[in-house]
Amino acid sequence: MSIAELQVYAVEAADVTGGVCVVRCVGGVARAGQVYAAGELRTGLRRIERYGRAVESFDAGHVAKVHLTGPVVALLARGQVLTYVPPGGHALAEVEAWLATGPPLLEEPHPDPLRAMATVRMQDESLPEGMRLRWGRVSLAALARAGRPEEQPYVRAYLIQTFGPSPAPGSASDPGSALAPDADRDPAALCRDVLARFGMTPREAAAQAGVWRDLPRPAILRLRRIKNLIPCMAPARPYLADTDPLAVAADAWTALRPKLP
């Protein structure tokens, strides 16, 4: 069954109790009484109006004026997609099945709200650890679907910090556990991924950091992206031997970080 999604055209009115928006249904069937996810926040669909009269629902391809609940309405922006959240939440297995396909399915939620939803579930301490790990993998897959793989190290760092490491199959640190290895929680793989994104050595970055105010804007932004990524290696570093070249590189970048713009 398609999941209802609403794309915001305009926010006509908003206050702390809610507001009125013009939206287009871009998937499924929107019905009065539903709850929608706006990033990590929730808003209720209280009333639907089409052509000046109230209706109970409208489907994909149609535009309507909707009355939404909650202060989040004031934060909505044109083009933002709201995704329907069933009373029991999206079924994890259903989401995993969507993301296992090649091209996105027509009924698949937009990757941005899906990533936000998965991140919330990944951090929900009331859920079993195994389920939180699965939601973490959904978050990673949604980022790939959205074309934002550069954000994946942050999720992988959280998984290692929260649930500990799980080395990739055949790695030197694999203790031979009966549990299936989780490549997303391999400390060495995370550090290799982060370091590969820098595209320069610590010495080269230090030279640029010394004169960063004179650099062109793209070079400054590159140094800032590096600065933001360096902490992603921190959860992995304790699991690397001090003599490991990855550990040596991680320590060098960590020491350099305060000097970066």
C-alpha atoms as a PDB file:
ATOM      1  CA  MET A   1       0.000   0.000   0.000  1.00  0.00           C
ATOM      2  CA  SER A   2       1.309   3.455  -0.881  1.00  0.00           C
ATOM      3  CA  ILE A   3       2.265   5.724   2.004  1.00  0.00           C
ATOM      4  CA  ALA A   4       0.685   9.161   1.798  1.00  0.00           C
ATOM      5  CA  GLU A   5       3.088  12.050   1.255  1.00  0.00           C
ATOM      6  CA  LEU A   6       2.308  15.754   1.064  1.00  0.00           C
ATOM      7  CA  GLN A   7       4.577  18.352  -0.543  1.00  0.00           C
ATOM      8  CA  VAL A   8       4.229  21.873   0.835  1.00  0.00           C
ATOM      9  CA  TYR A   9       3.419  24.611  -1.687  1.00  0.00           C
ATOM     10  CA  ALA A  10       2.843  27.433   0.790  1.00  0.00           C
ATOM     11  CA  VAL A  11       2.204  28.137   4.464  1.00  0.00           C
ATOM     12  CA  GLU A  12      -0.764  30.520   4.579  1.00  0.00           C
ATOM     13  CA  ALA A  13      -1.077  30.877   8.356  1.00  0.00           C
ATOM     14  CA  ALA A  14       0.704  29.489  11.401  1.00  0.00           C
ATOM     15  CA  ASP A  15       0.867  29.939  15.157  1.00  0.00           C
ATOM     16  CA  VAL A  16       1.716  27.800  18.200  1.00  0.00           C
ATOM     17  CA  THR A  17      -1.427  25.697  17.752  1.00  0.00           C
ATOM     18  CA  GLY A  18      -0.982  24.851  14.071  1.00  0.00           C
ATOM     19  CA  GLY A  19      -1.722  26.425  10.746  1.00  0.00           C
ATOM     20  CA  VAL A  20      -3.007  26.229   7.187  1.00  0.00           C
ATOM     21  CA  CYS A  21      -0.932  25.053   4.223  1.00  0.00           C
ATOM     22  CA  VAL A  22      -1.465  24.483   0.532  1.00  0.00           C
ATOM     23  CA  VAL A  23      -0.059  21.063  -0.300  1.00  0.00           C
ATOM     24  CA  ARG A  24       0.079  18.595  -3.157  1.00  0.00           C
ATOM     25  CA  CYS A  25      -0.375  14.898  -2.481  1.00  0.00           C
ATOM     26  CA  VAL A  26       2.607  13.190  -4.110  1.00  0.00           C
ATOM     27  CA  GLY A  27       1.861   9.656  -2.970  1.00  0.00           C
ATOM     28  CA  GLY A  28      -0.900   7.522  -1.497  1.00  0.00           C
ATOM     29  CA  VAL A  29      -4.131   8.924  -0.089  1.00  0.00           C
ATOM     30  CA  ALA A  30      -4.165  11.716   2.504  1.00  0.00           C
ATOM     31  CA  ARG A  31      -7.003  11.524   5.020  1.00  0.00           C
ATOM     32  CA  ALA A  32      -8.175  13.799   7.810  1.00  0.00           C
ATOM     33  CA  GLY A  33      -6.987  12.519  11.177  1.00  0.00           C
ATOM     34  CA  GLN A  34      -3.642  11.220   9.942  1.00  0.00           C
ATOM     35  CA  VAL A  35      -0.315  12.079  11.568  1.00  0.00           C
ATOM     36  CA  TYR A  36       2.603  13.203   9.394  1.00  0.00           C
ATOM     37  CA  ALA A  37       6.337  13.383  10.023  1.00  0.00           C
ATOM     38  CA  ALA A  38       8.083  16.691   9.381  1.00  0.00           C
ATOM     39  CA  GLY A  39      11.677  15.666   9.954  1.00  0.00           C
ATOM     40  CA  GLU A  40      11.793  14.481  13.550  1.00  0.00           C
ATOM     41  CA  LEU A  41       8.602  16.356  14.485  1.00  0.00           C
ATOM     42  CA  ARG A  42       4.959  15.379  14.055  1.00  0.00           C
ATOM     43  CA  THR A  43       1.888  17.254  12.842  1.00  0.00           C
ATOM     44  CA  GLY A  44      -1.729  16.150  12.631  1.00  0.00           C
ATOM     45  CA  LEU A  45      -3.885  16.562   9.525  1.00  0.00           C
ATOM     46  CA  ARG A  46      -6.980  18.056  11.116  1.00  0.00           C
ATOM     47  CA  ARG A  47      -9.015  19.227   8.095  1.00  0.00           C
ATOM     48  CA  ILE A  48      -8.858  19.080   4.277  1.00  0.00           C
ATOM     49  CA  GLU A  49     -10.450  21.634   1.953  1.00  0.00           C
ATOM     50  CA  ARG A  50     -10.786  21.412  -1.826  1.00  0.00           C
ATOM     51  CA  TYR A  51     -12.630  23.978  -3.926  1.00  0.00           C
ATOM     52  CA  GLY A  52     -13.939  25.709  -0.794  1.00  0.00           C
ATOM     53  CA  ARG A  53     -15.496  22.665   0.876  1.00  0.00           C
ATOM     54  CA  ALA A  54     -14.301  20.143   3.419  1.00  0.00           C
ATOM     55  CA  VAL A  55     -13.433  16.654   2.190  1.00  0.00           C
ATOM     56  CA  GLU A  56     -12.293  13.538   4.026  1.00  0.00           C
ATOM     57  CA  SER A  57      -9.420  12.667   1.691  1.00  0.00           C
ATOM     58  CA  PHE A  58      -7.533  13.402  -1.529  1.00  0.00           C
ATOM     59  CA  ASP A  59      -5.026  11.346  -3.469  1.00  0.00           C
ATOM     60  CA  ALA A  60      -1.796  11.675  -5.430  1.00  0.00           C
ATOM     61  CA  GLY A  61      -1.629  14.392  -8.048  1.00  0.00           C
ATOM     62  CA  HIS A  62      -4.184  16.665  -6.378  1.00  0.00           C
ATOM     63  CA  VAL A  63      -3.796  19.906  -4.431  1.00  0.00           C
ATOM     64  CA  ALA A  64      -5.662  20.875  -1.266  1.00  0.00           C
ATOM     65  CA  LYS A  65      -5.661  23.344   1.578  1.00  0.00           C
ATOM     66  CA  VAL A  66      -4.952  21.472   4.814  1.00  0.00           C
ATOM     67  CA  HIS A  67      -5.240  22.464   8.459  1.00  0.00           C
ATOM     68  CA  LEU A  68      -2.340  21.048  10.465  1.00  0.00           C
ATOM     69  CA  THR A  69      -1.733  20.913  14.211  1.00  0.00           C
ATOM     70  CA  GLY A  70       1.306  21.932  16.222  1.00  0.00           C
ATOM     71  CA  PRO A  71       3.924  24.701  16.160  1.00  0.00           C
ATOM     72  CA  VAL A  72       5.981  22.789  13.576  1.00  0.00           C
ATOM     73  CA  VAL A  73       3.723  24.278  10.863  1.00  0.00           C
ATOM     74  CA  ALA A  74       5.513  27.613  11.203  1.00  0.00           C
ATOM     75  CA  LEU A  75       8.801  25.866  10.354  1.00  0.00           C
ATOM     76  CA  LEU A  76       7.616  24.238   7.143  1.00  0.00           C
ATOM     77  CA  ALA A  77       9.184  25.383   3.881  1.00  0.00           C
ATOM     78  CA  ARG A  78       8.095  25.265   0.263  1.00  0.00           C
ATOM     79  CA  GLY A  79       8.972  21.925  -1.294  1.00  0.00           C
ATOM     80  CA  GLN A  80       9.226  20.081   2.029  1.00  0.00           C
ATOM     81  CA  VAL A  81       7.697  16.603   2.003  1.00  0.00           C
ATOM     82  CA  LEU A  82       5.580  15.337   4.907  1.00  0.00           C
ATOM     83  CA  THR A  83       5.259  11.568   5.273  1.00  0.00           C
ATOM     84  CA  TYR A  84       2.274   9.804   6.835  1.00  0.00           C
ATOM     85  CA  VAL A  85       3.106   7.877  10.004  1.00  0.00           C
ATOM     86  CA  PRO A  86       0.717   4.958  10.683  1.00  0.00           C
ATOM     87  CA  PRO A  87      -0.510   4.535  14.291  1.00  0.00           C
ATOM     88  CA  GLY A  88       2.068   1.801  14.851  1.00  0.00           C
ATOM     89  CA  GLY A  89       4.765   3.522  12.819  1.00  0.00           C
ATOM     90  CA  HIS A  90       6.211   2.276   9.549  1.00  0.00           C
ATOM     91  CA  ALA A  91       6.917  -1.440   9.554  1.00  0.00           C
ATOM     92  CA  LEU A  92      10.671  -1.940   9.693  1.00  0.00           C
ATOM     93  CA  ALA A  93      10.570  -4.995   7.441  1.00  0.00           C
ATOM     94  CA  GLU A  94       8.553  -3.061   4.856  1.00  0.00           C
ATOM     95  CA  VAL A  95      11.063  -0.222   4.823  1.00  0.00           C
ATOM     96  CA  GLU A  96      13.955  -2.679   4.509  1.00  0.00           C
ATOM     97  CA  ALA A  97      12.213  -4.344   1.575  1.00  0.00           C
ATOM     98  CA  TRP A  98      11.840  -0.980  -0.190  1.00  0.00           C
ATOM     99  CA  LEU A  99      15.498  -0.129   0.246  1.00  0.00           C
ATOM    100  CA  ALA A 100      16.612  -3.545  -0.980  1.00  0.00           C
ATOM    101  CA  THR A 101      15.305  -2.701  -4.448  1.00  0.00           C
ATOM    102  CA  GLY A 102      17.365  -1.010  -7.165  1.00  0.00           C
ATOM    103  CA  PRO A 103      15.481   2.052  -8.393  1.00  0.00           C
ATOM    104  CA  PRO A 104      13.170   3.595  -5.777  1.00  0.00           C
ATOM    105  CA  LEU A 105       9.644   2.191  -5.859  1.00  0.00           C
ATOM    106  CA  LEU A 106       6.698   4.462  -6.635  1.00  0.00           C
ATOM    107  CA  GLU A 107       5.201   3.912  -3.168  1.00  0.00           C
ATOM    108  CA  GLU A 108       8.524   4.323  -1.365  1.00  0.00           C
ATOM    109  CA  PRO A 109       8.745   7.253   1.085  1.00  0.00           C
ATOM    110  CA  HIS A 110      10.928  10.195   0.124  1.00  0.00           C
ATOM    111  CA  PRO A 111      14.484   9.445   1.360  1.00  0.00           C
ATOM    112  CA  ASP A 112      14.816  12.627   3.442  1.00  0.00           C
ATOM    113  CA  PRO A 113      11.857  12.034   5.792  1.00  0.00           C
ATOM    114  CA  LEU A 114      12.697   8.317   5.753  1.00  0.00           C
ATOM    115  CA  ARG A 115      16.243   9.095   6.900  1.00  0.00           C
ATOM    116  CA  ALA A 116      14.929  11.396   9.635  1.00  0.00           C
ATOM    117  CA  MET A 117      12.458   8.751  10.806  1.00  0.00           C
ATOM    118  CA  ALA A 118      15.136   6.034  10.782  1.00  0.00           C
ATOM    119  CA  THR A 119      17.531   8.233  12.771  1.00  0.00           C
ATOM    120  CA  VAL A 120      14.900   8.800  15.459  1.00  0.00           C
ATOM    121  CA  ARG A 121      14.225   5.051  15.706  1.00  0.00           C
ATOM    122  CA  MET A 122      17.955   4.290  15.764  1.00  0.00           C
ATOM    123  CA  GLN A 123      18.316   6.581  18.801  1.00  0.00           C
ATOM    124  CA  ASP A 124      15.164   5.332  20.575  1.00  0.00           C
ATOM    125  CA  GLU A 125      16.451   3.620  23.720  1.00  0.00           C
ATOM    126  CA  SER A 126      13.069   2.002  24.318  1.00  0.00           C
ATOM    127  CA  LEU A 127      13.575  -0.259  21.284  1.00  0.00           C
ATOM    128  CA  PRO A 128      15.586  -3.512  21.362  1.00  0.00           C
ATOM    129  CA  GLU A 129      19.225  -3.143  20.337  1.00  0.00           C
ATOM    130  CA  GLY A 130      18.821  -5.349  17.274  1.00  0.00           C
ATOM    131  CA  MET A 131      15.945  -3.229  15.989  1.00  0.00           C
ATOM    132  CA  ARG A 132      17.893  -0.008  16.565  1.00  0.00           C
ATOM    133  CA  LEU A 133      20.783  -1.419  14.552  1.00  0.00           C
ATOM    134  CA  ARG A 134      18.419  -2.276  11.708  1.00  0.00           C
ATOM    135  CA  TRP A 135      17.046   1.276  11.738  1.00  0.00           C
ATOM    136  CA  GLY A 136      20.645   2.487  11.592  1.00  0.00           C
ATOM    137  CA  ARG A 137      21.148   0.520   8.389  1.00  0.00           C
ATOM    138  CA  VAL A 138      17.913   2.006   7.039  1.00  0.00           C
ATOM    139  CA  SER A 139      19.295   5.487   7.770  1.00  0.00           C
ATOM    140  CA  LEU A 140      22.477   4.646   5.847  1.00  0.00           C
ATOM    141  CA  ALA A 141      20.495   3.261   2.917  1.00  0.00           C
ATOM    142  CA  ALA A 142      18.208   6.304   2.845  1.00  0.00           C
ATOM    143  CA  LEU A 143      21.247   8.605   2.702  1.00  0.00           C
ATOM    144  CA  ALA A 144      22.569   6.609  -0.248  1.00  0.00           C
ATOM    145  CA  ARG A 145      19.133   6.829  -1.897  1.00  0.00           C
ATOM    146  CA  ALA A 146      19.144  10.601  -1.362  1.00  0.00           C
ATOM    147  CA  GLY A 147      22.586  10.949  -2.959  1.00  0.00           C
ATOM    148  CA  ARG A 148      24.215  12.100   0.300  1.00  0.00           C
ATOM    149  CA  PRO A 149      26.807   9.413   1.120  1.00  0.00           C
ATOM    150  CA  GLU A 150      29.004  12.095   2.685  1.00  0.00           C
ATOM    151  CA  GLU A 151      26.679  12.007   5.716  1.00  0.00           C
ATOM    152  CA  GLN A 152      27.031   8.259   6.276  1.00  0.00           C
ATOM    153  CA  PRO A 153      30.173   8.457   8.483  1.00  0.00           C
ATOM    154  CA  TYR A 154      28.170  10.309  11.142  1.00  0.00           C
ATOM    155  CA  VAL A 155      25.649   7.457  11.349  1.00  0.00           C
ATOM    156  CA  ARG A 156      28.367   4.793  11.367  1.00  0.00           C
ATOM    157  CA  ALA A 157      30.238   6.642  14.135  1.00  0.00           C
ATOM    158  CA  TYR A 158      27.039   6.727  16.204  1.00  0.00           C
ATOM    159  CA  LEU A 159      26.519   2.990  15.716  1.00  0.00           C
ATOM    160  CA  ILE A 160      30.055   2.172  16.866  1.00  0.00           C
ATOM    161  CA  GLN A 161      29.881   4.567  19.809  1.00  0.00           C
ATOM    162  CA  THR A 162      26.500   3.260  20.965  1.00  0.00           C
ATOM    163  CA  PHE A 163      26.649  -0.443  20.158  1.00  0.00           C
ATOM    164  CA  GLY A 164      30.364  -1.134  19.904  1.00  0.00           C
ATOM    165  CA  PRO A 165      32.398  -2.416  16.959  1.00  0.00           C
ATOM    166  CA  SER A 166      31.692  -5.333  14.686  1.00  0.00           C
ATOM    167  CA  PRO A 167      34.638  -6.009  12.359  1.00  0.00           C
ATOM    168  CA  ALA A 168      34.066  -6.882   8.736  1.00  0.00           C
ATOM    169  CA  PRO A 169      34.417 -10.566   7.749  1.00  0.00           C
ATOM    170  CA  GLY A 170      38.039 -11.681   7.502  1.00  0.00           C
ATOM    171  CA  SER A 171      39.484  -8.562   9.137  1.00  0.00           C
ATOM    172  CA  ALA A 172      42.454  -8.913  11.454  1.00  0.00           C
ATOM    173  CA  SER A 173      40.352  -7.834  14.433  1.00  0.00           C
ATOM    174  CA  ASP A 174      37.585 -10.351  13.773  1.00  0.00           C
ATOM    175  CA  PRO A 175      37.373 -12.386  17.026  1.00  0.00           C
ATOM    176  CA  GLY A 176      35.653 -15.259  15.274  1.00  0.00           C
ATOM    177  CA  SER A 177      32.303 -14.530  16.872  1.00  0.00           C
ATOM    178  CA  ALA A 178      29.309 -16.587  15.808  1.00  0.00           C
ATOM    179  CA  LEU A 179      27.407 -13.351  15.255  1.00  0.00           C
ATOM    180  CA  ALA A 180      27.173 -12.060  11.694  1.00  0.00           C
ATOM    181  CA  PRO A 181      29.769  -9.287  11.205  1.00  0.00           C
ATOM    182  CA  ASP A 182      28.398  -5.810  10.563  1.00  0.00           C
ATOM    183  CA  ALA A 183      30.569  -3.901   8.088  1.00  0.00           C
ATOM    184  CA  ASP A 184      28.876  -0.637   9.069  1.00  0.00           C
ATOM    185  CA  ARG A 185      30.433  -0.976  12.533  1.00  0.00           C
ATOM    186  CA  ASP A 186      33.952  -1.881  11.442  1.00  0.00           C
ATOM    187  CA  PRO A 187      36.275   0.717  13.109  1.00  0.00           C
ATOM    188  CA  ALA A 188      39.050   0.324  10.538  1.00  0.00           C
ATOM    189  CA  ALA A 189      36.618   0.638   7.614  1.00  0.00           C
ATOM    190  CA  LEU A 190      35.103   3.793   9.113  1.00  0.00           C
ATOM    191  CA  CYS A 191      38.507   5.437   9.512  1.00  0.00           C
ATOM    192  CA  ARG A 192      39.541   4.468   5.982  1.00  0.00           C
ATOM    193  CA  ASP A 193      36.309   5.950   4.640  1.00  0.00           C
ATOM    194  CA  VAL A 194      36.714   9.217   6.548  1.00  0.00           C
ATOM    195  CA  LEU A 195      40.385   9.620   5.621  1.00  0.00           C
ATOM    196  CA  ALA A 196      39.634   8.938   1.952  1.00  0.00           C
ATOM    197  CA  ARG A 197      37.181  11.849   1.949  1.00  0.00           C
ATOM    198  CA  PHE A 198      39.859  14.368   2.972  1.00  0.00           C
ATOM    199  CA  GLY A 199      41.899  14.174  -0.234  1.00  0.00           C
ATOM    200  CA  MET A 200      44.981  15.678   1.425  1.00  0.00           C
ATOM    201  CA  THR A 201      47.533  14.909   4.118  1.00  0.00           C
ATOM    202  CA  PRO A 202      47.576  16.509   7.572  1.00  0.00           C
ATOM    203  CA  ARG A 203      50.720  18.414   6.562  1.00  0.00           C
ATOM    204  CA  GLU A 204      48.989  19.858   3.499  1.00  0.00           C
ATOM    205  CA  ALA A 205      45.928  20.790   5.563  1.00  0.00           C
ATOM    206  CA  ALA A 206      48.120  22.410   8.232  1.00  0.00           C
ATOM    207  CA  ALA A 207      49.812  24.549   5.587  1.00  0.00           C
ATOM    208  CA  GLN A 208      46.437  25.736   4.316  1.00  0.00           C
ATOM    209  CA  ALA A 209      45.094  26.265   7.841  1.00  0.00           C
ATOM    210  CA  GLY A 210      47.916  28.719   8.537  1.00  0.00           C
ATOM    211  CA  VAL A 211      46.710  31.030   5.771  1.00  0.00           C
ATOM    212  CA  TRP A 212      43.058  30.017   5.548  1.00  0.00           C
ATOM    213  CA  ARG A 213      41.784  33.609   5.457  1.00  0.00           C
ATOM    214  CA  ASP A 214      43.600  34.092   2.172  1.00  0.00           C
ATOM    215  CA  LEU A 215      42.178  30.950   0.564  1.00  0.00           C
ATOM    216  CA  PRO A 216      39.312  30.933  -1.964  1.00  0.00           C
ATOM    217  CA  ARG A 217      35.922  30.054  -0.532  1.00  0.00           C
ATOM    218  CA  PRO A 218      35.837  26.447  -1.917  1.00  0.00           C
ATOM    219  CA  ALA A 219      39.149  25.689  -0.194  1.00  0.00           C
ATOM    220  CA  ILE A 220      37.880  27.118   3.113  1.00  0.00           C
ATOM    221  CA  LEU A 221      34.688  25.055   2.887  1.00  0.00           C
ATOM    222  CA  ARG A 222      36.763  21.949   2.179  1.00  0.00           C
ATOM    223  CA  LEU A 223      38.783  22.514   5.360  1.00  0.00           C
ATOM    224  CA  ARG A 224      35.580  23.013   7.336  1.00  0.00           C
ATOM    225  CA  ARG A 225      34.100  19.770   5.981  1.00  0.00           C
ATOM    226  CA  ILE A 226      37.277  17.998   7.060  1.00  0.00           C
ATOM    227  CA  LYS A 227      37.016  19.588  10.506  1.00  0.00           C
ATOM    228  CA  ASN A 228      33.435  18.356  10.851  1.00  0.00           C
ATOM    229  CA  LEU A 229      34.336  14.817   9.751  1.00  0.00           C
ATOM    230  CA  ILE A 230      37.372  14.308  11.995  1.00  0.00           C
ATOM    231  CA  PRO A 231      35.264  13.536  15.140  1.00  0.00           C
ATOM    232  CA  CYS A 232      33.639  10.638  13.267  1.00  0.00           C
ATOM    233  CA  MET A 233      36.865   8.694  13.809  1.00  0.00           C
ATOM    234  CA  ALA A 234      36.811   9.179  17.594  1.00  0.00           C
ATOM    235  CA  PRO A 235      34.498   6.211  18.399  1.00  0.00           C
ATOM    236  CA  ALA A 236      36.643   3.936  16.206  1.00  0.00           C
ATOM    237  CA  ARG A 237      40.058   5.060  17.454  1.00  0.00           C
ATOM    238  CA  PRO A 238      40.088   3.042  20.757  1.00  0.00           C
ATOM    239  CA  TYR A 239      39.724  -0.178  18.762  1.00  0.00           C
ATOM    240  CA  LEU A 240      42.834   0.454  16.648  1.00  0.00           C
ATOM    241  CA  ALA A 241      46.374  -0.408  17.737  1.00  0.00           C
ATOM    242  CA  ASP A 242      48.586   2.634  18.323  1.00  0.00           C
ATOM    243  CA  THR A 243      50.964   1.409  15.615  1.00  0.00           C
ATOM    244  CA  ASP A 244      48.179   0.987  13.056  1.00  0.00           C
ATOM    245  CA  PRO A 245      48.697   3.520  10.224  1.00  0.00           C
ATOM    246  CA  LEU A 246      44.994   4.367  10.463  1.00  0.00           C
ATOM    247  CA  ALA A 247      45.410   5.219  14.156  1.00  0.00           C
ATOM    248  CA  VAL A 248      48.492   7.330  13.428  1.00  0.00           C
ATOM    249  CA  ALA A 249      46.564   9.242  10.744  1.00  0.00           C
ATOM    250  CA  ALA A 250      43.493   9.663  12.963  1.00  0.00           C
ATOM    251  CA  ASP A 251      45.649  11.048  15.790  1.00  0.00           C
ATOM    252  CA  ALA A 252      47.387  13.476  13.438  1.00  0.00           C
ATOM    253  CA  TRP A 253      44.086  14.829  12.123  1.00  0.00           C
ATOM    254  CA  THR A 254      42.621  15.071  15.636  1.00  0.00           C
ATOM    255  CA  ALA A 255      45.603  17.115  16.781  1.00  0.00           C
ATOM    256  CA  LEU A 256      45.246  19.399  13.755  1.00  0.00           C
ATOM    257  CA  ARG A 257      41.494  19.942  14.106  1.00  0.00           C
ATOM    258  CA  PRO A 258      41.637  22.994  16.479  1.00  0.00           C
ATOM    259  CA  LYS A 259      43.733  24.848  13.891  1.00  0.00           C
ATOM    260  CA  LEU A 260      41.240  24.327  11.058  1.00  0.00           C
ATOM    261  CA  PRO A 261      38.773  27.134  10.247  1.00  0.00           C
END
